[in-house]
Protein backbone atom coordinates (compact mmCIF):
# COMPACT_ATOMS: atom_id res chain seq x y z
CA MET A 1 -17.15 -16.28 0.55
CA LEU A 2 -14.86 -15.63 -2.38
CA VAL A 3 -15.68 -14.53 -5.91
CA VAL A 4 -13.03 -15.67 -8.40
CA MET A 5 -13.06 -13.60 -11.58
CA GLN A 6 -12.12 -14.96 -14.99
CA ALA A 7 -8.61 -14.28 -16.24
CA HIS A 8 -9.94 -11.93 -18.94
CA ALA A 9 -12.42 -10.10 -16.67
CA THR A 10 -12.38 -6.34 -17.20
CA GLU A 11 -12.05 -3.68 -14.49
CA ASP A 12 -15.67 -2.67 -15.17
CA GLN A 13 -16.82 -6.24 -14.52
CA VAL A 14 -14.85 -6.35 -11.25
CA ARG A 15 -16.41 -3.05 -10.18
CA ALA A 16 -19.87 -4.31 -11.09
CA VAL A 17 -19.43 -7.39 -8.88
CA CYS A 18 -18.19 -5.18 -6.02
CA ARG A 19 -21.26 -2.96 -6.36
CA LYS A 20 -23.52 -6.00 -6.31
CA ILE A 21 -21.86 -7.30 -3.14
CA GLU A 22 -22.41 -3.91 -1.51
CA LYS A 23 -26.08 -3.95 -2.54
CA LEU A 24 -26.41 -7.31 -0.81
CA GLY A 25 -25.25 -5.60 2.39
CA TYR A 26 -21.71 -6.99 2.46
CA ARG A 27 -18.25 -5.57 1.94
CA PRO A 28 -16.13 -6.48 -1.13
CA HIS A 29 -12.34 -6.77 -0.98
CA PRO A 30 -10.85 -7.02 -4.50
CA MET A 31 -7.43 -8.75 -4.48
CA PRO A 32 -5.68 -8.51 -7.86
CA GLY A 33 -3.39 -11.46 -8.65
CA ALA A 34 -0.90 -12.26 -11.36
CA THR A 35 -3.53 -13.82 -13.63
CA ARG A 36 -6.93 -12.97 -12.14
CA THR A 37 -8.70 -10.96 -9.46
CA ALA A 38 -10.41 -12.53 -6.46
CA ILE A 39 -12.98 -10.62 -4.42
CA GLY A 40 -13.30 -11.50 -0.76
CA ILE A 41 -16.65 -10.93 0.95
CA THR A 42 -16.90 -9.89 4.60
CA GLY A 43 -19.78 -8.79 6.78
CA ASN A 44 -21.87 -11.88 6.07
CA GLN A 45 -23.04 -13.84 9.09
CA GLY A 46 -23.94 -16.90 7.00
CA GLU A 47 -23.55 -18.14 3.45
CA VAL A 48 -23.97 -15.65 0.61
CA GLU A 49 -26.51 -16.60 -2.07
CA GLN A 50 -24.14 -17.73 -4.82
CA GLY A 51 -26.54 -17.66 -7.75
CA THR A 52 -26.85 -13.88 -7.91
CA LEU A 53 -23.09 -13.54 -8.29
CA GLU A 54 -22.19 -16.60 -10.35
CA GLU A 55 -24.25 -15.40 -13.31
CA MET A 56 -22.59 -11.99 -13.51
CA PRO A 57 -20.26 -11.26 -16.48
CA GLY A 58 -16.61 -12.01 -15.76
CA VAL A 59 -17.25 -14.30 -12.77
CA GLN A 60 -15.65 -17.74 -12.90
CA GLU A 61 -16.88 -19.20 -9.61
CA VAL A 62 -18.03 -18.40 -6.08
CA ILE A 63 -16.46 -20.54 -3.37
CA LYS A 64 -16.78 -20.84 0.37
CA VAL A 65 -13.77 -19.93 2.51
CA SER A 66 -13.73 -22.30 5.46
CA LYS A 67 -10.97 -20.66 7.52
CA PRO A 68 -11.93 -18.07 10.17
CA TYR A 69 -9.40 -15.68 8.63
CA LYS A 70 -10.44 -14.97 5.07
CA LEU A 71 -8.62 -12.01 3.54
CA VAL A 72 -5.19 -13.10 4.75
CA SER A 73 -5.73 -16.63 3.43
CA ARG A 74 -4.23 -18.08 0.27
CA ASP A 75 -7.77 -19.15 -0.58
CA VAL A 76 -8.46 -15.50 -1.39
CA LYS A 77 -5.07 -14.61 -2.89
CA GLU A 78 -2.71 -17.28 -4.14
CA ASP A 79 0.09 -14.90 -5.11
CA ASN A 80 2.40 -13.57 -2.41
CA THR A 81 1.73 -9.99 -1.36
CA ILE A 82 4.55 -7.57 -2.13
CA ILE A 83 4.49 -4.16 -0.43
CA ARG A 84 6.11 -1.57 -2.69
CA PHE A 85 7.08 2.02 -2.03
CA ALA A 86 6.83 4.67 -4.73
CA GLY A 87 10.08 6.16 -5.95
CA THR A 88 12.35 3.48 -4.48
CA GLN A 89 13.43 -0.11 -4.97
CA ALA A 90 12.67 -0.90 -1.32
CA GLN A 91 9.91 -3.46 -0.86
CA ILE A 92 8.64 -6.04 1.62
CA GLY A 93 7.99 -9.45 0.10
CA GLY A 94 9.13 -10.92 -3.18
CA ARG A 95 12.59 -12.20 -4.07
CA GLY A 96 14.48 -9.48 -2.21
CA LEU A 97 14.91 -9.56 1.56
CA ALA A 98 13.72 -6.50 3.48
CA ILE A 99 16.45 -5.45 5.92
CA VAL A 100 15.20 -3.21 8.74
CA ALA A 101 17.82 -1.88 11.17
CA GLY A 102 18.26 0.82 13.77
CA PRO A 103 18.16 1.46 17.51
CA CYS A 104 15.37 0.30 19.78
CA ALA A 105 14.62 3.93 20.67
CA ILE A 106 15.48 7.29 19.16
CA GLU A 107 17.40 8.95 21.99
CA ASN A 108 18.73 12.07 20.25
CA ARG A 109 19.72 13.27 16.78
CA ASP A 110 23.42 12.41 17.06
CA GLN A 111 22.69 8.83 18.18
CA ALA A 112 20.11 8.26 15.45
CA PHE A 113 22.33 9.60 12.66
CA ALA A 114 25.37 7.67 13.87
CA VAL A 115 23.42 4.41 13.65
CA ALA A 116 21.62 5.33 10.43
CA GLU A 117 24.87 6.07 8.62
CA ARG A 118 26.28 2.63 9.46
CA VAL A 119 23.18 0.55 8.71
CA HIS A 120 22.63 2.42 5.45
CA ARG A 121 26.24 1.79 4.46
CA ALA A 122 25.75 -1.93 5.20
CA GLY A 123 22.69 -2.14 2.93
CA ALA A 124 19.58 -1.64 5.09
CA GLN A 125 16.64 -0.26 3.11
CA PHE A 126 14.52 0.50 6.20
CA PHE A 127 15.42 2.41 9.36
CA ARG A 128 13.66 1.39 12.58
CA GLY A 129 13.54 3.35 15.79
CA GLY A 130 11.02 3.93 18.53
CA ALA A 131 9.52 7.38 19.07
CA TYR A 132 6.87 5.90 21.38
CA LYS A 133 8.02 3.10 23.67
CA PRO A 134 5.60 0.91 25.66
CA ARG A 135 7.77 -0.05 28.61
CA THR A 136 7.19 -2.48 31.47
CA SER A 137 8.18 0.16 34.01
CA PRO A 138 6.52 3.60 34.01
CA TYR A 139 9.91 5.01 35.04
CA SER A 140 11.77 3.73 31.97
CA PHE A 141 12.46 5.90 28.93
CA GLN A 142 9.18 6.31 27.02
CA GLY A 143 10.56 7.83 23.83
CA LEU A 144 10.86 11.34 22.36
CA GLY A 145 7.43 11.37 20.73
CA VAL A 146 7.05 13.82 17.86
CA GLU A 147 10.66 14.92 18.15
CA GLY A 148 11.72 11.32 17.49
CA LEU A 149 9.48 11.24 14.41
CA ARG A 150 11.08 14.44 13.13
CA ILE A 151 14.56 12.97 13.55
CA MET A 152 13.57 9.86 11.60
CA ALA A 153 12.03 11.97 8.83
CA GLU A 154 15.34 13.81 8.58
CA ILE A 155 17.14 10.47 8.31
CA ARG A 156 14.83 9.47 5.47
CA ARG A 157 15.65 12.66 3.57
CA HIS A 158 19.38 12.24 4.13
CA PHE A 159 19.86 8.51 3.53
CA GLY A 160 16.81 7.51 1.49
CA MET A 161 15.81 4.70 3.85
CA LYS A 162 12.12 4.15 4.54
CA ILE A 163 11.02 4.64 8.15
CA ILE A 164 9.32 2.03 10.35
CA THR A 165 8.18 2.99 13.84
CA GLU A 166 5.64 1.81 16.37
CA ALA A 167 2.26 3.27 17.22
CA ILE A 168 1.05 2.42 20.71
CA ASP A 169 -2.45 3.94 20.65
CA ASN A 170 -4.83 5.73 18.30
CA GLU A 171 -3.34 9.14 19.07
CA SER A 172 0.23 8.09 18.28
CA LEU A 173 -0.96 6.17 15.22
CA ASP A 174 -2.28 9.41 13.73
CA LEU A 175 1.20 10.92 14.08
CA VAL A 176 3.07 7.83 12.92
CA GLU A 177 0.87 7.65 9.83
CA GLU A 178 1.75 11.27 9.09
CA TRP A 179 5.53 10.94 9.56
CA ALA A 180 6.54 7.33 8.87
CA ASP A 181 6.43 5.01 5.85
CA VAL A 182 5.36 1.87 7.76
CA ILE A 183 3.23 1.70 10.92
CA GLN A 184 4.40 -0.94 13.38
CA ILE A 185 1.93 -2.57 15.74
CA GLY A 186 3.92 -4.11 18.57
CA ALA A 187 3.54 -7.46 20.32
CA ARG A 188 1.71 -5.94 23.29
CA ASN A 189 -0.92 -4.50 20.95
CA MET A 190 -1.43 -7.49 18.65
CA GLN A 191 -4.93 -7.97 20.05
CA ASN A 192 -5.73 -4.32 20.66
CA PHE A 193 -8.65 -4.58 18.27
CA SER A 194 -9.58 -0.90 18.17
CA LEU A 195 -5.96 -0.05 17.28
CA LEU A 196 -5.92 -2.77 14.61
CA LYS A 197 -9.10 -1.34 13.07
CA ARG A 198 -7.57 2.14 13.06
CA ALA A 199 -4.44 0.73 11.35
CA GLY A 200 -6.75 -0.87 8.80
CA ARG A 201 -8.06 2.57 7.88
CA ALA A 202 -4.55 4.02 7.53
CA LYS A 203 -3.05 4.82 4.14
CA LYS A 204 0.36 3.41 5.08
CA PRO A 205 1.56 -0.23 5.21
CA VAL A 206 1.42 -1.98 8.58
CA LEU A 207 4.00 -4.27 10.20
CA LEU A 208 2.20 -6.48 12.72
CA LYS A 209 4.26 -8.23 15.39
CA ARG A 210 3.18 -11.52 16.92
CA GLY A 211 1.94 -11.33 20.51
CA MET A 212 4.09 -12.89 23.20
CA SER A 213 1.69 -15.82 23.70
CA ALA A 214 -0.23 -15.78 20.41
CA THR A 215 -1.04 -18.91 18.44
CA LEU A 216 -0.71 -18.96 14.66
CA GLU A 217 -4.46 -18.59 14.22
CA GLU A 218 -4.65 -15.67 16.67
CA PHE A 219 -1.80 -13.98 14.80
CA LEU A 220 -3.52 -14.34 11.44
CA MET A 221 -6.85 -13.23 12.89
CA ALA A 222 -5.18 -10.05 14.17
CA ALA A 223 -3.96 -9.36 10.63
CA GLU A 224 -7.49 -10.06 9.40
CA TYR A 225 -8.74 -7.12 11.50
CA ILE A 226 -6.44 -4.79 9.54
CA LEU A 227 -7.31 -6.15 6.11
CA SER A 228 -11.02 -6.19 6.88
CA GLU A 229 -10.89 -2.39 7.20
CA GLY A 230 -9.41 -2.04 3.71
CA ASN A 231 -5.64 -1.89 4.27
CA TYR A 232 -4.17 -4.83 2.34
CA ASN A 233 -0.51 -3.77 2.71
CA VAL A 234 0.29 -5.80 5.83
CA ALA A 235 3.48 -7.63 6.77
CA LEU A 236 3.82 -10.00 9.72
CA CYS A 237 6.75 -10.29 12.12
CA GLU A 238 7.80 -13.19 14.36
CA ARG A 239 9.55 -11.78 17.45
CA GLY A 240 9.60 -14.68 19.89
CA VAL A 241 7.10 -16.05 22.40
CA ARG A 242 7.17 -16.60 26.14
CA THR A 243 8.20 -20.09 27.23
CA PHE A 244 9.79 -21.71 30.27
CA ALA A 245 13.28 -21.19 28.75
CA ASP A 246 15.59 -18.84 30.63
CA HIS A 247 18.64 -18.84 28.33
CA THR A 248 16.97 -16.23 26.11
CA ARG A 249 14.58 -13.35 26.68
CA ASN A 250 12.00 -15.06 24.46
CA THR A 251 11.91 -18.22 22.35
CA LEU A 252 12.17 -17.39 18.65
CA ASP A 253 9.69 -19.61 16.81
CA LEU A 254 11.16 -20.04 13.33
CA SER A 255 8.75 -22.89 12.58
CA LEU A 256 6.10 -20.17 12.28
CA ILE A 257 7.64 -18.91 9.02
CA PRO A 258 6.79 -21.87 6.74
CA ALA A 259 3.50 -22.34 8.62
CA VAL A 260 2.43 -18.76 7.81
CA GLN A 261 3.64 -19.04 4.22
CA ARG A 262 1.55 -22.17 3.69
CA LEU A 263 -1.64 -20.51 4.93
CA SER A 264 -1.25 -16.83 4.04
CA HIS A 265 -0.07 -14.63 1.19
CA LEU A 266 1.29 -11.97 3.58
CA PRO A 267 5.07 -11.49 3.84
CA ILE A 268 6.65 -12.39 7.18
CA LEU A 269 9.80 -10.95 8.74
CA VAL A 270 11.79 -12.08 11.77
CA ASP A 271 13.04 -9.98 14.70
CA PRO A 272 15.89 -11.97 16.29
CA SER A 273 16.79 -9.05 18.56
CA HIS A 274 13.60 -9.25 20.60
CA GLY A 275 13.34 -12.95 19.84
CA THR A 276 16.49 -13.67 21.84
CA GLY A 277 17.28 -10.58 23.88
CA LYS A 278 20.96 -11.55 23.70
CA ARG A 279 23.45 -9.84 21.40
CA ASN A 280 25.48 -13.01 20.80
CA LYS A 281 22.41 -14.87 19.54
CA VAL A 282 21.16 -12.28 17.05
CA THR A 283 23.48 -13.16 14.15
CA PRO A 284 23.06 -16.96 14.39
CA LEU A 285 19.27 -16.63 14.51
CA SER A 286 19.35 -14.15 11.63
CA ARG A 287 21.14 -16.74 9.53
CA ALA A 288 18.55 -19.32 10.51
CA ALA A 289 15.65 -16.98 9.75
CA VAL A 290 16.88 -16.36 6.21
CA ALA A 291 17.54 -20.09 5.72
CA VAL A 292 13.99 -21.00 6.76
CA GLY A 293 12.50 -18.55 4.26
CA ALA A 294 11.78 -15.29 6.09
CA ASP A 295 11.09 -12.28 3.88
CA GLY A 296 13.31 -9.99 5.91
CA LEU A 297 14.92 -9.14 9.24
CA LEU A 298 14.46 -6.51 11.96
CA ILE A 299 17.80 -5.92 13.68
CA GLU A 300 18.51 -3.56 16.56
CA VAL A 301 21.81 -1.69 16.15
CA HIS A 302 23.37 0.89 18.46
CA HIS A 303 26.77 2.57 18.22
CA GLN A 304 27.05 2.57 22.04
CA PRO A 305 24.77 -0.24 23.23
CA ASP A 306 26.17 -0.21 26.76
CA GLN A 307 24.75 3.32 27.10
CA ALA A 308 21.45 2.67 25.31
CA LEU A 309 18.28 3.85 27.02
CA SER A 310 16.41 0.77 25.81
CA ASP A 311 17.40 -2.85 25.00
CA GLY A 312 21.14 -2.31 24.81
CA MET A 313 21.84 -5.96 25.64
CA GLN A 314 20.24 -7.14 22.39
CA SER A 315 21.60 -4.40 20.14
CA LEU A 316 24.46 -5.16 17.77
CA PHE A 317 27.50 -2.96 17.39
CA PRO A 318 27.71 -1.54 13.85
CA ASP A 319 30.68 -3.78 12.99
CA GLN A 320 28.64 -6.81 14.07
CA PHE A 321 25.82 -5.69 11.80
CA ASP A 322 28.30 -5.50 8.91
CA ASP A 323 29.29 -9.10 9.58
CA LEU A 324 25.64 -10.18 9.84
CA MET A 325 24.86 -8.64 6.45
CA ALA A 326 27.82 -10.39 4.82
CA GLN A 327 26.67 -13.76 6.17
CA VAL A 328 23.02 -13.16 5.24
CA ARG A 329 24.04 -12.36 1.65
CA GLN A 330 25.74 -15.74 1.33
CA ILE A 331 22.73 -17.67 2.65
CA ALA A 332 20.27 -15.64 0.57
CA ALA A 333 22.16 -16.46 -2.62
CA VAL A 334 21.74 -20.19 -1.99
CA LEU A 335 17.97 -19.67 -1.83
CA ASP A 336 17.89 -17.41 -4.91
CA ARG A 337 17.03 -14.43 -2.72
CA THR A 338 18.73 -11.04 -2.91
CA VAL A 339 19.99 -8.59 -0.31
CA PRO A 340 20.73 -4.90 -1.09
CA GLU A 341 24.32 -4.15 -1.85
CA ILE A 342 26.42 -2.07 0.50
CA GLY A 343 25.57 1.63 0.27
CA GLU A 344 23.08 1.01 -2.55
CA ARG A 345 21.94 4.61 -2.39
CA GLU A 346 24.33 7.45 -1.65
CA PRO A 347 23.20 9.82 1.12
CA VAL A 348 22.16 13.34 0.15
CA ALA A 349 22.92 16.57 1.94
CA VAL A 350 20.72 17.31 4.93
CA GLY A 351 17.97 19.76 4.09
CA THR A 352 17.70 18.81 0.41
């Protein structure tokens, strides 16, 4: 169910409705919009008695939400969600494109800083890198753990980029929440429901990647797990699905972007690096992702990809990332979207 408040409803009236919902044994989820607040109701097994809520001051109407996902639906929130970060112009959603770039894995300090310097100079607002790596083989590089998080925190201080990194279980999520700005839930964990619930209790935004075989509804329901726990700062990410094709690592499903935007208010990014697994396909698919309306890109960049400990074949050289950014700026302008200018924020001395 959904309680739509009147445009002039006061904060006290919104709080009163939330308290009433709690007294009825349900959980309220207030979603402020540009003109009015909507309050989603979860925890109800059947229909909520509308009369007790409709007569409350400030309430415009109570409507039934027919979709299985409720809080991520545009029925609950018509305005697009924009995830903002205090003290910076970086955001996910809105007119500006969120550009996330960095290596697949943090291998050492020198490698991380070499890549960070180049992607920052090219205009990336977010630095990505894996401190915890879920790998197919138990003998592959698993990441530096806390040391990798420390290196990324140092990069944030030096370059001003926000940090996005993956949590693979509840233990690592505790640490990622402490060190990073955005918690990434990877494709392999899209339906790890206990991890999604823990992310929903986190105080940091969450970037949720689509599972390798997930349908649109399954993807949105996974996001619903996070929002249902009270964390409404969630962004989605299309990263390719498994098909019979063998010319790419995965099949990047760009048709998902307008489909998500029609049904949900959550921003959606595209990861063409994992979506293709081929360096020569990353830039063309990045152009296509921006053209189809994605809210941002996740790009893997490595200064020595042939020596990378993880996913070197899909990582761009820094010069290639420069070219990608130049092309993306041109396409974004046609769509009245913006991309950060080169070196928008000057780096500061390490240790300051």
